[in-house]
């Protein structure tokens, strides 16, 4: 999955908290968020807040699907509220490889065909 496909997928599934998200899908979307927030912050504070607001639900949904992909409940997203330790534990969960077999959250995400 490339950058554009990941961003399109995450915005298309912006309120879909079920299912699974592959590691590239999640991390490309995180990169898109940081770039958009960084650029928005340089433009104006109001633009920055619009970017954060626009990405809020898709980020939560992608995070939930990513946790499902490694076999964890989406409730683990609440660990991000614990300042240092919770954030590090959540980061550890997010960088884990996908479970190759189906789990209680569904089958593994299908690979997206690359368009030449």
C-alpha atoms as a PDB file:
ATOM      1  CA  UNK A   1       0.000   0.000   0.000  1.00  0.00           C
ATOM      2  CA  UNK A   2       1.387   3.395  -0.925  1.00  0.00           C
ATOM      3  CA  UNK A   3       0.889   6.817   0.631  1.00  0.00           C
ATOM      4  CA  UNK A   4      -2.074   7.865  -1.517  1.00  0.00           C
ATOM      5  CA  UNK A   5      -3.921   4.556  -1.134  1.00  0.00           C
ATOM      6  CA  UNK A   6      -3.469   4.619   2.644  1.00  0.00           C
ATOM      7  CA  UNK A   7      -4.824   8.148   2.992  1.00  0.00           C
ATOM      8  CA  UNK A   8      -7.775   7.410   0.725  1.00  0.00           C
ATOM      9  CA  UNK A   9      -8.566   4.194   2.573  1.00  0.00           C
ATOM     10  CA  UNK A  10      -8.434   5.817   6.012  1.00  0.00           C
ATOM     11  CA  UNK A  11     -10.634   8.738   4.987  1.00  0.00           C
ATOM     12  CA  UNK A  12     -13.079   6.386   3.263  1.00  0.00           C
ATOM     13  CA  UNK A  13     -13.320   4.304   6.460  1.00  0.00           C
ATOM     14  CA  UNK A  14     -13.289   7.338   8.750  1.00  0.00           C
ATOM     15  CA  UNK A  15     -15.904   5.960  11.171  1.00  0.00           C
ATOM     16  CA  UNK A  16     -15.334   2.240  10.613  1.00  0.00           C
ATOM     17  CA  UNK A  17     -13.911   0.968  13.890  1.00  0.00           C
ATOM     18  CA  UNK A  18     -14.345  -2.691  12.980  1.00  0.00           C
ATOM     19  CA  UNK A  19     -12.036  -4.719  10.814  1.00  0.00           C
ATOM     20  CA  UNK A  20      -8.283  -4.542  10.483  1.00  0.00           C
ATOM     21  CA  UNK A  21      -5.703  -2.083   9.121  1.00  0.00           C
ATOM     22  CA  UNK A  22      -2.280  -3.131   7.927  1.00  0.00           C
ATOM     23  CA  UNK A  23       0.892  -1.577   9.272  1.00  0.00           C
ATOM     24  CA  UNK A  24       1.634   0.424   6.080  1.00  0.00           C
ATOM     25  CA  UNK A  25      -1.929   1.751   5.946  1.00  0.00           C
ATOM     26  CA  UNK A  26      -1.718   3.047   9.501  1.00  0.00           C
ATOM     27  CA  UNK A  27       1.774   4.525   9.362  1.00  0.00           C
ATOM     28  CA  UNK A  28       1.307   6.234   5.977  1.00  0.00           C
ATOM     29  CA  UNK A  29      -1.832   7.841   7.370  1.00  0.00           C
ATOM     30  CA  UNK A  30       0.043   8.998  10.494  1.00  0.00           C
ATOM     31  CA  UNK A  31       2.675  10.550   8.221  1.00  0.00           C
ATOM     32  CA  UNK A  32      -0.051  12.335   6.237  1.00  0.00           C
ATOM     33  CA  UNK A  33      -1.496  13.698   9.474  1.00  0.00           C
ATOM     34  CA  UNK A  34       1.839  15.033  10.716  1.00  0.00           C
ATOM     35  CA  UNK A  35       2.650  16.652   7.366  1.00  0.00           C
ATOM     36  CA  UNK A  36      -0.803  18.261   7.122  1.00  0.00           C
ATOM     37  CA  UNK A  37      -0.673  19.480  10.736  1.00  0.00           C
ATOM     38  CA  UNK A  38       2.859  20.843  10.268  1.00  0.00           C
ATOM     39  CA  UNK A  39       1.944  22.715   7.096  1.00  0.00           C
ATOM     40  CA  UNK A  40      -1.355  23.901   8.596  1.00  0.00           C
ATOM     41  CA  UNK A  41       0.512  25.229  11.619  1.00  0.00           C
ATOM     42  CA  UNK A  42       2.728  27.344   9.390  1.00  0.00           C
ATOM     43  CA  UNK A  43      -0.235  28.766   7.514  1.00  0.00           C
ATOM     44  CA  UNK A  44      -2.355  29.816  10.495  1.00  0.00           C
ATOM     45  CA  UNK A  45      -3.403  28.557  13.896  1.00  0.00           C
ATOM     46  CA  UNK A  46      -7.006  28.242  12.691  1.00  0.00           C
ATOM     47  CA  UNK A  47      -5.922  26.049   9.756  1.00  0.00           C
ATOM     48  CA  UNK A  48      -3.955  23.851  12.162  1.00  0.00           C
ATOM     49  CA  UNK A  49      -7.058  23.296  14.308  1.00  0.00           C
ATOM     50  CA  UNK A  50      -9.124  22.498  11.213  1.00  0.00           C
ATOM     51  CA  UNK A  51      -6.571  19.862  10.187  1.00  0.00           C
ATOM     52  CA  UNK A  52      -6.578  18.328  13.666  1.00  0.00           C
ATOM     53  CA  UNK A  53     -10.383  18.289  13.689  1.00  0.00           C
ATOM     54  CA  UNK A  54     -10.569  16.786  10.184  1.00  0.00           C
ATOM     55  CA  UNK A  55      -8.169  13.991  11.097  1.00  0.00           C
ATOM     56  CA  UNK A  56      -9.558  13.207  14.573  1.00  0.00           C
ATOM     57  CA  UNK A  57     -12.121  10.502  13.748  1.00  0.00           C
ATOM     58  CA  UNK A  58     -10.087   8.899  10.935  1.00  0.00           C
ATOM     59  CA  UNK A  59      -7.063   8.669  13.273  1.00  0.00           C
ATOM     60  CA  UNK A  60      -9.111   7.009  16.005  1.00  0.00           C
ATOM     61  CA  UNK A  61     -10.705   4.582  13.526  1.00  0.00           C
ATOM     62  CA  UNK A  62      -7.361   3.702  11.916  1.00  0.00           C
ATOM     63  CA  UNK A  63      -5.822   3.191  15.357  1.00  0.00           C
ATOM     64  CA  UNK A  64      -8.646   0.889  16.397  1.00  0.00           C
ATOM     65  CA  UNK A  65      -8.333  -1.128  13.194  1.00  0.00           C
ATOM     66  CA  UNK A  66      -4.534  -1.308  13.619  1.00  0.00           C
ATOM     67  CA  UNK A  67      -4.930  -2.657  17.149  1.00  0.00           C
ATOM     68  CA  UNK A  68      -7.412  -5.212  15.826  1.00  0.00           C
ATOM     69  CA  UNK A  69      -4.810  -6.278  13.270  1.00  0.00           C
ATOM     70  CA  UNK A  70      -2.389  -7.260  16.038  1.00  0.00           C
ATOM     71  CA  UNK A  71      -5.124  -8.983  18.058  1.00  0.00           C
ATOM     72  CA  UNK A  72      -5.780  -6.240  20.635  1.00  0.00           C
ATOM     73  CA  UNK A  73      -8.995  -4.498  21.605  1.00  0.00           C
ATOM     74  CA  UNK A  74      -9.556  -0.922  20.459  1.00  0.00           C
ATOM     75  CA  UNK A  75      -9.950   0.018  24.116  1.00  0.00           C
ATOM     76  CA  UNK A  76      -6.142  -0.055  24.297  1.00  0.00           C
ATOM     77  CA  UNK A  77      -6.253   3.343  22.557  1.00  0.00           C
ATOM     78  CA  UNK A  78      -7.056   4.766  25.986  1.00  0.00           C
ATOM     79  CA  UNK A  79      -3.480   3.944  27.000  1.00  0.00           C
ATOM     80  CA  UNK A  80      -2.516   7.050  25.027  1.00  0.00           C
ATOM     81  CA  UNK A  81      -4.006   9.108  27.841  1.00  0.00           C
ATOM     82  CA  UNK A  82      -1.247   7.931  30.210  1.00  0.00           C
ATOM     83  CA  UNK A  83       1.584  10.416  29.575  1.00  0.00           C
ATOM     84  CA  UNK A  84       4.775   8.433  28.895  1.00  0.00           C
ATOM     85  CA  UNK A  85       4.341   4.755  29.682  1.00  0.00           C
ATOM     86  CA  UNK A  86       0.942   4.480  27.997  1.00  0.00           C
ATOM     87  CA  UNK A  87       2.202   6.160  24.853  1.00  0.00           C
ATOM     88  CA  UNK A  88       5.216   3.858  24.657  1.00  0.00           C
ATOM     89  CA  UNK A  89       3.079   0.743  25.174  1.00  0.00           C
ATOM     90  CA  UNK A  90       0.668   1.928  22.489  1.00  0.00           C
ATOM     91  CA  UNK A  91       3.574   2.604  20.119  1.00  0.00           C
ATOM     92  CA  UNK A  92       4.858  -0.918  20.795  1.00  0.00           C
ATOM     93  CA  UNK A  93       1.459  -2.374  19.869  1.00  0.00           C
ATOM     94  CA  UNK A  94       1.260  -0.290  16.686  1.00  0.00           C
ATOM     95  CA  UNK A  95       4.640  -1.417  15.322  1.00  0.00           C
ATOM     96  CA  UNK A  96       3.916  -5.118  15.777  1.00  0.00           C
ATOM     97  CA  UNK A  97       3.557  -7.184  12.594  1.00  0.00           C
ATOM     98  CA  UNK A  98       0.084  -8.149  11.467  1.00  0.00           C
ATOM     99  CA  UNK A  99      -1.347 -11.493  12.474  1.00  0.00           C
ATOM    100  CA  UNK A 100      -1.283 -13.520   9.244  1.00  0.00           C
ATOM    101  CA  UNK A 101      -4.322 -15.586  10.167  1.00  0.00           C
ATOM    102  CA  UNK A 102      -7.866 -14.485  10.847  1.00  0.00           C
ATOM    103  CA  UNK A 103      -8.603 -13.365  14.380  1.00  0.00           C
ATOM    104  CA  UNK A 104     -11.736 -12.333  16.260  1.00  0.00           C
ATOM    105  CA  UNK A 105     -11.738  -9.000  14.370  1.00  0.00           C
ATOM    106  CA  UNK A 106     -11.821 -10.525  10.905  1.00  0.00           C
ATOM    107  CA  UNK A 107      -9.542 -11.765   8.157  1.00  0.00           C
ATOM    108  CA  UNK A 108      -6.234 -10.031   7.470  1.00  0.00           C
ATOM    109  CA  UNK A 109      -6.475  -6.987   5.218  1.00  0.00           C
ATOM    110  CA  UNK A 110      -6.224  -7.886   1.569  1.00  0.00           C
ATOM    111  CA  UNK A 111      -3.199  -6.481  -0.222  1.00  0.00           C
ATOM    112  CA  UNK A 112      -4.083  -3.510  -2.400  1.00  0.00           C
ATOM    113  CA  UNK A 113      -3.108  -3.991  -6.056  1.00  0.00           C
ATOM    114  CA  UNK A 114      -0.497  -1.527  -7.235  1.00  0.00           C
ATOM    115  CA  UNK A 115      -1.655   0.563 -10.177  1.00  0.00           C
ATOM    116  CA  UNK A 116       1.170   1.318 -12.586  1.00  0.00           C
END
